[in-house]
C-alpha atoms as a PDB file:
ATOM      1  CA  MET A   1      93.047 104.740 124.084  1.00  0.00           C
ATOM      2  CA  LYS A   2      91.564 101.795 122.186  1.00  0.00           C
ATOM      3  CA  ILE A   3      88.034 102.581 121.046  1.00  0.00           C
ATOM      4  CA  ALA A   4      85.788  99.627 120.227  1.00  0.00           C
ATOM      5  CA  ARG A   5      82.157  98.859 119.537  1.00  0.00           C
ATOM      6  CA  ILE A   6      80.594  95.792 121.113  1.00  0.00           C
ATOM      7  CA  ASP A   7      77.314  93.921 120.940  1.00  0.00           C
ATOM      8  CA  LEU A   8      75.784  94.193 124.409  1.00  0.00           C
ATOM      9  CA  GLY A   9      72.424  92.493 124.694  1.00  0.00           C
ATOM     10  CA  GLY A  10      71.695  93.064 121.015  1.00  0.00           C
ATOM     11  CA  THR A  11      72.624  96.764 121.133  1.00  0.00           C
ATOM     12  CA  ALA A  12      75.769  98.289 119.668  1.00  0.00           C
ATOM     13  CA  ARG A  13      77.723 100.095 122.377  1.00  0.00           C
ATOM     14  CA  VAL A  14      80.962 102.035 122.324  1.00  0.00           C
ATOM     15  CA  ALA A  15      83.547 100.594 124.714  1.00  0.00           C
ATOM     16  CA  VAL A  16      87.131 101.239 125.736  1.00  0.00           C
ATOM     17  CA  VAL A  17      89.607  98.354 125.659  1.00  0.00           C
ATOM     18  CA  ASP A  18      92.256  98.031 128.369  1.00  0.00           C
ATOM     19  CA  ARG A  19      94.443  94.952 127.877  1.00  0.00           C
ATOM     20  CA  ASP A  20      92.041  92.000 128.099  1.00  0.00           C
ATOM     21  CA  HIS A  21      89.019  93.882 129.440  1.00  0.00           C
ATOM     22  CA  VAL A  22      86.469  96.335 128.031  1.00  0.00           C
ATOM     23  CA  GLN A  23      84.492  99.094 129.689  1.00  0.00           C
ATOM     24  CA  PRO A  24      81.094  99.673 128.011  1.00  0.00           C
ATOM     25  CA  LEU A  25      79.862 103.255 127.748  1.00  0.00           C
ATOM     26  CA  THR A  26      76.321 104.605 127.756  1.00  0.00           C
ATOM     27  CA  THR A  27      74.320 104.584 124.544  1.00  0.00           C
ATOM     28  CA  ALA A  28      74.660 108.379 124.452  1.00  0.00           C
ATOM     29  CA  VAL A  29      78.339 108.054 123.441  1.00  0.00           C
ATOM     30  CA  SER A  30      79.318 107.452 119.808  1.00  0.00           C
ATOM     31  CA  THR A  31      82.670 106.487 118.345  1.00  0.00           C
ATOM     32  CA  THR A  32      83.044 109.960 116.866  1.00  0.00           C
ATOM     33  CA  ASP A  33      82.491 111.553 120.298  1.00  0.00           C
ATOM     34  CA  LEU A  34      85.807 110.023 121.345  1.00  0.00           C
ATOM     35  CA  LEU A  35      87.548 110.592 118.005  1.00  0.00           C
ATOM     36  CA  VAL A  36      86.945 114.356 118.016  1.00  0.00           C
ATOM     37  CA  ALA A  37      88.058 114.762 121.639  1.00  0.00           C
ATOM     38  CA  SER A  38      91.571 115.456 122.872  1.00  0.00           C
ATOM     39  CA  PRO A  39      93.136 112.637 124.947  1.00  0.00           C
ATOM     40  CA  SER A  40      92.199 114.352 128.217  1.00  0.00           C
ATOM     41  CA  GLU A  41      88.673 115.145 127.003  1.00  0.00           C
ATOM     42  CA  ALA A  42      88.210 111.541 125.867  1.00  0.00           C
ATOM     43  CA  ARG A  43      89.244 110.245 129.280  1.00  0.00           C
ATOM     44  CA  ASN A  44      86.676 112.545 130.889  1.00  0.00           C
ATOM     45  CA  VAL A  45      83.977 111.247 128.538  1.00  0.00           C
ATOM     46  CA  VAL A  46      84.822 107.684 129.569  1.00  0.00           C
ATOM     47  CA  VAL A  47      84.750 108.493 133.293  1.00  0.00           C
ATOM     48  CA  ARG A  48      81.396 110.267 133.012  1.00  0.00           C
ATOM     49  CA  ASN A  49      79.779 107.636 130.790  1.00  0.00           C
ATOM     50  CA  ALA A  50      81.084 104.290 132.073  1.00  0.00           C
ATOM     51  CA  ASP A  51      78.064 102.021 132.156  1.00  0.00           C
ATOM     52  CA  GLY A  52      78.084  98.714 133.993  1.00  0.00           C
ATOM     53  CA  PRO A  53      80.973  96.505 135.053  1.00  0.00           C
ATOM     54  CA  VAL A  54      84.222  95.971 133.183  1.00  0.00           C
ATOM     55  CA  LEU A  55      83.863  92.859 130.997  1.00  0.00           C
ATOM     56  CA  PRO A  56      86.419  90.270 129.885  1.00  0.00           C
ATOM     57  CA  LEU A  57      87.353  90.916 126.274  1.00  0.00           C
ATOM     58  CA  SER A  58      86.980  87.207 125.512  1.00  0.00           C
ATOM     59  CA  GLU A  59      83.301  87.336 126.486  1.00  0.00           C
ATOM     60  CA  VAL A  60      82.128  90.183 124.231  1.00  0.00           C
ATOM     61  CA  ARG A  61      81.467  90.290 120.502  1.00  0.00           C
ATOM     62  CA  LEU A  62      83.387  93.053 118.801  1.00  0.00           C
ATOM     63  CA  LEU A  63      81.714  94.987 115.991  1.00  0.00           C
ATOM     64  CA  ALA A  64      83.356  97.197 113.396  1.00  0.00           C
ATOM     65  CA  PRO A  65      84.594 100.126 115.513  1.00  0.00           C
ATOM     66  CA  VAL A  66      83.091 102.689 113.133  1.00  0.00           C
ATOM     67  CA  ASP A  67      80.369 102.938 110.505  1.00  0.00           C
ATOM     68  CA  PRO A  68      82.237 105.157 108.036  1.00  0.00           C
ATOM     69  CA  PRO A  69      80.274 107.789 106.095  1.00  0.00           C
ATOM     70  CA  THR A  70      82.872 107.403 103.328  1.00  0.00           C
ATOM     71  CA  LEU A  71      85.602 104.837 102.694  1.00  0.00           C
ATOM     72  CA  ARG A  72      88.622 105.600 100.504  1.00  0.00           C
ATOM     73  CA  ASP A  73      91.147 102.894  99.704  1.00  0.00           C
ATOM     74  CA  PHE A  74      94.543 104.084  98.472  1.00  0.00           C
ATOM     75  CA  LEU A  75      97.450 102.309  96.755  1.00  0.00           C
ATOM     76  CA  THR A  76     100.601 103.395  98.580  1.00  0.00           C
ATOM     77  CA  PHE A  77     102.857 100.315  98.759  1.00  0.00           C
ATOM     78  CA  GLU A  78     105.042 100.099  95.650  1.00  0.00           C
ATOM     79  CA  GLU A  79     105.904  96.433  96.223  1.00  0.00           C
ATOM     80  CA  HIS A  80     102.239  95.440  96.082  1.00  0.00           C
ATOM     81  CA  LEU A  81     101.762  97.523  92.956  1.00  0.00           C
ATOM     82  CA  GLU A  82     104.736  95.834  91.288  1.00  0.00           C
ATOM     83  CA  GLY A  83     103.415  92.364  92.131  1.00  0.00           C
ATOM     84  CA  SER A  84      99.986  93.228  90.774  1.00  0.00           C
ATOM     85  CA  LEU A  85     101.418  94.620  87.554  1.00  0.00           C
ATOM     86  CA  LYS A  86     103.599  91.537  87.071  1.00  0.00           C
ATOM     87  CA  LEU A  87     100.517  89.338  87.116  1.00  0.00           C
ATOM     88  CA  LEU A  88      98.890  91.611  84.537  1.00  0.00           C
ATOM     89  CA  GLY A  89     101.969  91.506  82.301  1.00  0.00           C
ATOM     90  CA  ALA A  90     102.691  95.228  82.746  1.00  0.00           C
ATOM     91  CA  HIS A  91     106.247  96.497  83.108  1.00  0.00           C
ATOM     92  CA  ALA A  92     105.941  99.649  85.219  1.00  0.00           C
ATOM     93  CA  PRO A  93     103.311 101.759  86.993  1.00  0.00           C
ATOM     94  CA  LEU A  94     101.743 104.623  85.109  1.00  0.00           C
ATOM     95  CA  PRO A  95     103.661 107.837  85.910  1.00  0.00           C
ATOM     96  CA  VAL A  96     100.628 109.323  87.656  1.00  0.00           C
ATOM     97  CA  TRP A  97     101.121 106.875  90.549  1.00  0.00           C
ATOM     98  CA  TYR A  98     104.293 108.761  91.517  1.00  0.00           C
ATOM     99  CA  GLU A  99     102.571 112.154  91.315  1.00  0.00           C
ATOM    100  CA  MET A 100      99.642 111.716  93.705  1.00  0.00           C
ATOM    101  CA  PRO A 101      98.216 109.164  96.189  1.00  0.00           C
ATOM    102  CA  LEU A 102      95.525 107.415  94.150  1.00  0.00           C
ATOM    103  CA  PHE A 103      92.381 105.929  95.707  1.00  0.00           C
ATOM    104  CA  TYR A 104      88.949 104.570  94.924  1.00  0.00           C
ATOM    105  CA  PHE A 105      85.713 104.722  96.941  1.00  0.00           C
ATOM    106  CA  SER A 106      84.573 101.445  98.466  1.00  0.00           C
ATOM    107  CA  ASN A 107      81.215 100.191  99.731  1.00  0.00           C
ATOM    108  CA  THR A 108      80.429 101.460 103.246  1.00  0.00           C
ATOM    109  CA  ASN A 109      77.371  99.185 103.388  1.00  0.00           C
ATOM    110  CA  ALA A 110      79.686  96.154 103.227  1.00  0.00           C
ATOM    111  CA  VAL A 111      81.711  96.943 106.379  1.00  0.00           C
ATOM    112  CA  VAL A 112      82.044  94.091 108.890  1.00  0.00           C
ATOM    113  CA  GLY A 113      83.966  93.748 112.124  1.00  0.00           C
ATOM    114  CA  PRO A 114      86.431  91.293 113.616  1.00  0.00           C
ATOM    115  CA  ASP A 115      85.338  87.649 113.859  1.00  0.00           C
ATOM    116  CA  ALA A 116      82.508  88.280 111.362  1.00  0.00           C
ATOM    117  CA  THR A 117      82.105  85.805 108.527  1.00  0.00           C
ATOM    118  CA  VAL A 118      82.763  86.830 104.931  1.00  0.00           C
ATOM    119  CA  ALA A 119      80.779  85.028 102.224  1.00  0.00           C
ATOM    120  CA  VAL A 120      82.341  84.147  98.897  1.00  0.00           C
ATOM    121  CA  PRO A 121      80.701  86.602  96.468  1.00  0.00           C
ATOM    122  CA  PRO A 122      78.466  85.209  93.697  1.00  0.00           C
ATOM    123  CA  GLY A 123      80.464  83.828  90.784  1.00  0.00           C
ATOM    124  CA  CYS A 124      83.865  84.168  92.466  1.00  0.00           C
ATOM    125  CA  GLU A 125      86.532  81.472  92.175  1.00  0.00           C
ATOM    126  CA  LEU A 126      89.596  83.574  93.097  1.00  0.00           C
ATOM    127  CA  LEU A 127      88.850  85.084  96.503  1.00  0.00           C
ATOM    128  CA  ASP A 128      91.676  87.036  98.137  1.00  0.00           C
ATOM    129  CA  PHE A 129      92.313  89.171 101.225  1.00  0.00           C
ATOM    130  CA  GLU A 130      94.356  92.375 101.584  1.00  0.00           C
ATOM    131  CA  LEU A 131      96.412  93.438 104.596  1.00  0.00           C
ATOM    132  CA  GLU A 132      96.096  97.178 105.145  1.00  0.00           C
ATOM    133  CA  LEU A 133      96.230  99.924 107.743  1.00  0.00           C
ATOM    134  CA  ALA A 134      93.655 102.683 107.894  1.00  0.00           C
ATOM    135  CA  VAL A 135      93.066 105.990 109.620  1.00  0.00           C
ATOM    136  CA  VAL A 136      89.734 107.251 110.910  1.00  0.00           C
ATOM    137  CA  ILE A 137      89.072 110.977 110.679  1.00  0.00           C
ATOM    138  CA  GLY A 138      88.479 112.712 114.011  1.00  0.00           C
ATOM    139  CA  LYS A 139      87.909 116.370 113.168  1.00  0.00           C
ATOM    140  CA  PRO A 140      86.238 117.688 110.003  1.00  0.00           C
ATOM    141  CA  GLY A 141      88.473 119.505 107.559  1.00  0.00           C
ATOM    142  CA  ARG A 142      88.812 120.715 103.995  1.00  0.00           C
ATOM    143  CA  ASP A 143      91.846 121.661 101.867  1.00  0.00           C
ATOM    144  CA  LEU A 144      94.225 120.581 104.611  1.00  0.00           C
ATOM    145  CA  THR A 145      97.984 120.737 104.439  1.00  0.00           C
ATOM    146  CA  PRO A 146      99.827 117.580 105.525  1.00  0.00           C
ATOM    147  CA  GLU A 147     100.935 119.439 108.671  1.00  0.00           C
ATOM    148  CA  ARG A 148      97.358 120.331 109.613  1.00  0.00           C
ATOM    149  CA  ALA A 149      96.075 116.917 108.560  1.00  0.00           C
ATOM    150  CA  ARG A 150      97.811 115.190 111.477  1.00  0.00           C
ATOM    151  CA  ASP A 151      95.437 116.890 113.935  1.00  0.00           C
ATOM    152  CA  HIS A 152      92.464 115.533 111.975  1.00  0.00           C
ATOM    153  CA  ILE A 153      93.437 111.857 112.335  1.00  0.00           C
ATOM    154  CA  GLY A 154      91.377 110.387 115.158  1.00  0.00           C
ATOM    155  CA  GLY A 155      92.982 106.967 115.194  1.00  0.00           C
ATOM    156  CA  TYR A 156      94.369 103.933 113.394  1.00  0.00           C
ATOM    157  CA  THR A 157      92.952 100.492 112.715  1.00  0.00           C
ATOM    158  CA  LEU A 158      93.395  97.396 110.547  1.00  0.00           C
ATOM    159  CA  PHE A 159      91.576  97.065 107.250  1.00  0.00           C
ATOM    160  CA  ASN A 160      90.933  94.027 105.035  1.00  0.00           C
ATOM    161  CA  ASP A 161      89.933  94.938 101.507  1.00  0.00           C
ATOM    162  CA  TRP A 162      88.522  91.557 100.386  1.00  0.00           C
ATOM    163  CA  SER A 163      88.915  91.028  96.645  1.00  0.00           C
ATOM    164  CA  ALA A 164      87.300  88.759  94.053  1.00  0.00           C
ATOM    165  CA  ARG A 165      90.220  88.738  91.629  1.00  0.00           C
ATOM    166  CA  ASP A 166      88.433  86.941  88.799  1.00  0.00           C
ATOM    167  CA  LEU A 167      85.484  89.347  88.951  1.00  0.00           C
ATOM    168  CA  MET A 168      87.865  92.325  88.807  1.00  0.00           C
ATOM    169  CA  ALA A 169      90.054  91.199  85.920  1.00  0.00           C
ATOM    170  CA  PRO A 170      87.617  91.733  82.994  1.00  0.00           C
ATOM    171  CA  VAL A 171      86.201  95.056  84.225  1.00  0.00           C
ATOM    172  CA  VAL A 172      89.177  97.026  85.604  1.00  0.00           C
ATOM    173  CA  PRO A 173      90.532  97.868  82.094  1.00  0.00           C
ATOM    174  CA  PHE A 174      87.202  99.573  81.361  1.00  0.00           C
ATOM    175  CA  GLY A 175      88.230 102.345  83.761  1.00  0.00           C
ATOM    176  CA  MET A 176      85.297 102.281  86.178  1.00  0.00           C
ATOM    177  CA  GLY A 177      87.025 100.448  89.011  1.00  0.00           C
ATOM    178  CA  PRO A 178      86.715  96.892  90.316  1.00  0.00           C
ATOM    179  CA  VAL A 179      82.865  96.854  90.124  1.00  0.00           C
ATOM    180  CA  LYS A 180      81.658  93.647  91.890  1.00  0.00           C
ATOM    181  CA  GLY A 181      85.242  92.559  92.575  1.00  0.00           C
ATOM    182  CA  LYS A 182      85.333  94.672  95.760  1.00  0.00           C
ATOM    183  CA  ASP A 183      81.676  95.311  96.472  1.00  0.00           C
ATOM    184  CA  PHE A 184      80.960  92.604  99.037  1.00  0.00           C
ATOM    185  CA  ALA A 185      83.081  92.966 102.203  1.00  0.00           C
ATOM    186  CA  ASN A 186      85.450  95.330 104.014  1.00  0.00           C
ATOM    187  CA  SER A 187      86.694  94.323 107.471  1.00  0.00           C
ATOM    188  CA  ILE A 188      87.640  97.040 109.975  1.00  0.00           C
ATOM    189  CA  GLY A 189      88.996  96.416 113.466  1.00  0.00           C
ATOM    190  CA  PRO A 190      89.546  95.141 116.003  1.00  0.00           C
ATOM    191  CA  TRP A 191      89.341  98.666 117.443  1.00  0.00           C
ATOM    192  CA  ILE A 192      90.622 102.180 116.792  1.00  0.00           C
ATOM    193  CA  VAL A 193      93.919 103.116 118.457  1.00  0.00           C
ATOM    194  CA  THR A 194      94.340 106.824 119.123  1.00  0.00           C
ATOM    195  CA  PRO A 195      97.486 108.475 117.683  1.00  0.00           C
ATOM    196  CA  ASP A 196      99.119 109.144 121.060  1.00  0.00           C
ATOM    197  CA  GLU A 197      99.450 105.376 121.680  1.00  0.00           C
ATOM    198  CA  LEU A 198     101.355 104.897 118.419  1.00  0.00           C
ATOM    199  CA  GLU A 199     103.820 107.781 118.761  1.00  0.00           C
ATOM    200  CA  PRO A 200     106.582 105.403 119.961  1.00  0.00           C
ATOM    201  CA  TYR A 201     106.419 103.786 116.495  1.00  0.00           C
ATOM    202  CA  ARG A 202     106.840 107.055 114.586  1.00  0.00           C
ATOM    203  CA  ARG A 203     109.930 107.413 112.403  1.00  0.00           C
ATOM    204  CA  ASP A 204     110.109 110.964 111.020  1.00  0.00           C
ATOM    205  CA  ASP A 205     106.845 111.453 109.075  1.00  0.00           C
ATOM    206  CA  ARG A 206     105.829 107.766 109.013  1.00  0.00           C
ATOM    207  CA  LEU A 207     104.564 105.205 111.470  1.00  0.00           C
ATOM    208  CA  ALA A 208     106.797 102.125 111.392  1.00  0.00           C
ATOM    209  CA  LEU A 209     104.381  99.308 112.232  1.00  0.00           C
ATOM    210  CA  GLU A 210     105.265  95.721 111.392  1.00  0.00           C
ATOM    211  CA  LEU A 211     102.429  94.071 109.446  1.00  0.00           C
ATOM    212  CA  HIS A 212     101.819  90.405 108.727  1.00  0.00           C
ATOM    213  CA  ALA A 213      99.013  88.003 107.899  1.00  0.00           C
ATOM    214  CA  LYS A 214      98.157  84.451 108.875  1.00  0.00           C
ATOM    215  CA  LEU A 215      96.080  81.935 106.978  1.00  0.00           C
ATOM    216  CA  ASN A 216      94.486  79.318 109.220  1.00  0.00           C
ATOM    217  CA  GLY A 217      96.932  80.272 111.951  1.00  0.00           C
ATOM    218  CA  VAL A 218     100.042  79.909 109.772  1.00  0.00           C
ATOM    219  CA  PRO A 219     102.074  83.042 108.872  1.00  0.00           C
ATOM    220  CA  LEU A 220     102.450  83.590 105.138  1.00  0.00           C
ATOM    221  CA  PRO A 221     105.932  82.357 104.139  1.00  0.00           C
ATOM    222  CA  ALA A 222     106.954  85.511 102.248  1.00  0.00           C
ATOM    223  CA  GLY A 223     106.518  87.558 105.405  1.00  0.00           C
ATOM    224  CA  GLY A 224     104.842  90.911 105.816  1.00  0.00           C
ATOM    225  CA  ASP A 225     105.856  94.539 105.482  1.00  0.00           C
ATOM    226  CA  ASN A 226     106.326  97.720 107.486  1.00  0.00           C
ATOM    227  CA  SER A 227     104.118 100.782 107.241  1.00  0.00           C
ATOM    228  CA  ALA A 228     107.261 102.935 106.948  1.00  0.00           C
ATOM    229  CA  ASN A 229     107.416 101.668 103.341  1.00  0.00           C
ATOM    230  CA  MET A 230     104.287 103.581 102.345  1.00  0.00           C
ATOM    231  CA  ALA A 231     105.042 105.897  99.430  1.00  0.00           C
ATOM    232  CA  TRP A 232     102.796 108.528 100.976  1.00  0.00           C
ATOM    233  CA  SER A 233     102.225 109.248 104.660  1.00  0.00           C
ATOM    234  CA  PHE A 234      98.712 109.160 106.071  1.00  0.00           C
ATOM    235  CA  GLU A 235      98.957 112.920 106.609  1.00  0.00           C
ATOM    236  CA  GLU A 236      99.684 113.387 102.900  1.00  0.00           C
ATOM    237  CA  MET A 237      96.818 111.047 101.982  1.00  0.00           C
ATOM    238  CA  VAL A 238      94.411 112.976 104.230  1.00  0.00           C
ATOM    239  CA  SER A 239      95.597 116.239 102.694  1.00  0.00           C
ATOM    240  CA  PHE A 240      95.015 114.952  99.166  1.00  0.00           C
ATOM    241  CA  ALA A 241      91.605 113.478 100.023  1.00  0.00           C
ATOM    242  CA  SER A 242      90.507 116.820 101.498  1.00  0.00           C
ATOM    243  CA  ARG A 243      91.213 118.799  98.317  1.00  0.00           C
ATOM    244  CA  GLY A 244      88.008 120.543  97.356  1.00  0.00           C
ATOM    245  CA  THR A 245      85.860 118.441  99.702  1.00  0.00           C
ATOM    246  CA  GLU A 246      85.228 118.045 103.400  1.00  0.00           C
ATOM    247  CA  LEU A 247      86.416 115.049 105.365  1.00  0.00           C
ATOM    248  CA  ARG A 248      84.111 114.275 108.270  1.00  0.00           C
ATOM    249  CA  PRO A 249      84.482 112.400 111.561  1.00  0.00           C
ATOM    250  CA  GLY A 250      84.315 108.664 110.978  1.00  0.00           C
ATOM    251  CA  ASP A 251      85.566 108.763 107.386  1.00  0.00           C
ATOM    252  CA  VAL A 252      88.054 105.951 106.753  1.00  0.00           C
ATOM    253  CA  LEU A 253      91.170 106.201 104.574  1.00  0.00           C
ATOM    254  CA  ALA A 254      93.002 102.916 103.994  1.00  0.00           C
ATOM    255  CA  SER A 255      96.643 102.516 102.983  1.00  0.00           C
ATOM    256  CA  GLY A 256      96.225  99.923 100.265  1.00  0.00           C
ATOM    257  CA  THR A 257      97.766  96.467 100.493  1.00  0.00           C
ATOM    258  CA  CYS A 258     101.253  96.203 101.944  1.00  0.00           C
ATOM    259  CA  GLY A 259     103.984  94.200 100.242  1.00  0.00           C
ATOM    260  CA  GLY A 260     103.306  90.468 100.529  1.00  0.00           C
ATOM    261  CA  GLY A 261      99.913  91.264 102.036  1.00  0.00           C
ATOM    262  CA  CYS A 262      97.664  89.258  99.701  1.00  0.00           C
ATOM    263  CA  LEU A 263      97.534  86.042  97.692  1.00  0.00           C
ATOM    264  CA  LEU A 264      97.676  87.958  94.397  1.00  0.00           C
ATOM    265  CA  GLU A 265     101.362  88.670  94.924  1.00  0.00           C
ATOM    266  CA  TYR A 266     102.047  84.980  95.498  1.00  0.00           C
ATOM    267  CA  TRP A 267     100.225  84.189  92.253  1.00  0.00           C
ATOM    268  CA  ALA A 268     102.454  86.723  90.486  1.00  0.00           C
ATOM    269  CA  HIS A 269     105.527  84.697  91.481  1.00  0.00           C
ATOM    270  CA  THR A 270     104.027  81.179  91.479  1.00  0.00           C
ATOM    271  CA  SER A 271     100.418  80.369  90.557  1.00  0.00           C
ATOM    272  CA  ALA A 272      96.957  79.896  91.998  1.00  0.00           C
ATOM    273  CA  ASP A 273      97.623  76.145  91.813  1.00  0.00           C
ATOM    274  CA  ASP A 274     100.576  76.422  94.203  1.00  0.00           C
ATOM    275  CA  VAL A 275      98.849  78.951  96.473  1.00  0.00           C
ATOM    276  CA  PRO A 276      95.096  78.302  96.229  1.00  0.00           C
ATOM    277  CA  PRO A 277      92.536  81.086  96.605  1.00  0.00           C
ATOM    278  CA  LEU A 278      90.472  81.357  99.757  1.00  0.00           C
ATOM    279  CA  ARG A 279      87.794  78.743 100.333  1.00  0.00           C
ATOM    280  CA  PRO A 280      84.949  78.365 102.879  1.00  0.00           C
ATOM    281  CA  GLY A 281      86.419  77.513 106.253  1.00  0.00           C
ATOM    282  CA  ASP A 282      89.620  79.529 105.781  1.00  0.00           C
ATOM    283  CA  VAL A 283      90.463  81.957 108.595  1.00  0.00           C
ATOM    284  CA  VAL A 284      92.375  85.115 107.675  1.00  0.00           C
ATOM    285  CA  THR A 285      94.139  87.009 110.476  1.00  0.00           C
ATOM    286  CA  LEU A 286      95.762  90.419 110.051  1.00  0.00           C
ATOM    287  CA  VAL A 287      98.274  91.675 112.638  1.00  0.00           C
ATOM    288  CA  ALA A 288      99.865  95.092 113.220  1.00  0.00           C
ATOM    289  CA  ASP A 289     102.264  96.370 115.873  1.00  0.00           C
ATOM    290  CA  GLY A 290     100.571  98.632 118.381  1.00  0.00           C
ATOM    291  CA  ILE A 291      97.079  97.765 117.160  1.00  0.00           C
ATOM    292  CA  GLY A 292      96.512  94.029 117.523  1.00  0.00           C
ATOM    293  CA  ALA A 293      94.931  91.334 115.390  1.00  0.00           C
ATOM    294  CA  MET A 294      91.711  90.894 113.419  1.00  0.00           C
ATOM    295  CA  SER A 295      90.382  87.569 112.133  1.00  0.00           C
ATOM    296  CA  ASN A 296      87.555  86.690 109.752  1.00  0.00           C
ATOM    297  CA  THR A 297      86.286  83.324 108.541  1.00  0.00           C
ATOM    298  CA  VAL A 298      85.308  82.684 104.927  1.00  0.00           C
ATOM    299  CA  VAL A 299      81.927  80.987 104.397  1.00  0.00           C
ATOM    300  CA  ALA A 300      80.080  79.780 101.324  1.00  0.00           C
ATOM    301  CA  GLY A 301      78.074  82.319  99.389  1.00  0.00           C
ATOM    302  CA  VAL A 302      75.234  82.086  96.880  1.00  0.00           C
ATOM    303  CA  GLY A 303      75.322  81.578  93.139  1.00  0.00           C
ATOM    304  CA  ALA A 304      75.229  84.465  90.692  1.00  0.00           C
ATOM    305  CA  THR A 305      71.805  85.375  89.325  1.00  0.00           C
ATOM    306  CA  PRO A 306      72.101  85.249  85.499  1.00  0.00           C
ATOM    307  CA  LEU A 307      71.430  88.389  83.476  1.00  0.00           C
ATOM    308  CA  PRO A 308      70.893  88.819  79.728  1.00  0.00           C
ATOM    309  CA  ARG A 309      73.481  90.476  77.517  1.00  0.00           C
ATOM    310  CA  ALA A 310      73.154  94.160  76.751  1.00  0.00           C
ATOM    311  CA  ARG A 311      70.538  95.145  74.190  1.00  0.00           C
ATOM    312  CA  VAL A 312      72.402  96.954  71.416  1.00  0.00           C
ATOM    313  CA  GLY A 313      71.691  97.982  67.842  1.00  0.00           C
ATOM    314  CA  ARG A 314      68.281  99.463  68.661  1.00  0.00           C
ATOM    315  CA  THR A 315      66.958 102.464  66.714  1.00  0.00           C
ATOM    316  CA  ARG A 316      68.544 105.653  67.967  1.00  0.00           C
ATOM    317  CA  ARG A 317      67.083 109.132  67.766  1.00  0.00           C
ATOM    318  CA  HIS A 318      68.573 111.730  65.439  1.00  0.00           C
ATOM    319  CA  ARG A 319      70.699 114.280  67.291  1.00  0.00           C
ATOM    320  CA  ASP A 320      71.798 117.736  66.235  1.00  0.00           C
ATOM    321  CA  TRP A 321      75.464 118.117  67.172  1.00  0.00           C
ATOM    322  CA  THR A 322      75.728 121.733  65.997  1.00  0.00           C
ATOM    323  CA  PRO A 323      77.964 123.608  68.478  1.00  0.00           C
ATOM    324  CA  VAL A 324      76.054 125.749  70.973  1.00  0.00           C
ATOM    325  CA  ARG A 325      76.780 129.459  70.589  1.00  0.00           C
ATOM    326  CA  SER A 326      76.806 131.577  73.726  1.00  0.00           C
ATOM    327  CA  ASN A 327      77.034 135.325  74.325  1.00  0.00           C
ATOM    328  CA  ARG A 328      80.211 135.021  76.394  1.00  0.00           C
END
């Protein structure tokens, strides 16, 4: 099943996609209602809640298929990591990357859907896209094993982790993440594909989906990647994310950028002069086997509001740093 959300008369509605048509459902049905259901239960929900005629896909506006309560973005493609490090002048990943699937939390308020515009963030001159896969959690779970985690994956979708590279560069070494470099847009779509539809692509413990990107309709010359090259499976990522905390229906876990899936890697081998950053009017399209394609158009943004420098050197209060003694 392909689970979508559409704009129908100004109201967001869950819909099911079948080839080039969509069947809207009643407003009583949410995306998570279908994600938590078994395939047979989901089909029953659709039959009972079909609302109105089947519509041509070309005549509806798709929204982001889910409003995620949380959004984790991992870094699981070694080729992308190597390209990023080359641009930074580093020689090898930190050893911790090989020990656990690392992630950061992204901005759920900045989620947009397919065909939505993405504004250049204030102060950005090096705008980039990122080609990623993502899973959406179906059933809640905590402290899951990778084997149990598979039953908690409700579906798969495409994810574009838009990046302001020049806004990231000065702040990432501080250790608090990309700050405003990734705070402005995350594209999810075009819909969520349930796991049963992608089983033909499974190779052992990985899905083997071919991934590629187009810029203004032209495939990137270096080609794309395959999801089988992920260093960690989605089941392992879900297991790690659930350590000591509960994953809930609708939570999104993204794979991180695949090899050759962003302009940054081109800049690592050439330069931003040879491969220019994104500009207003550019159309970025991400494509994945078994899922489909998602496009977004870059538009002009606003200028950055200036702020003063930090106030430092002010009088500080005296503090007593004598160790606290307890009765333990």
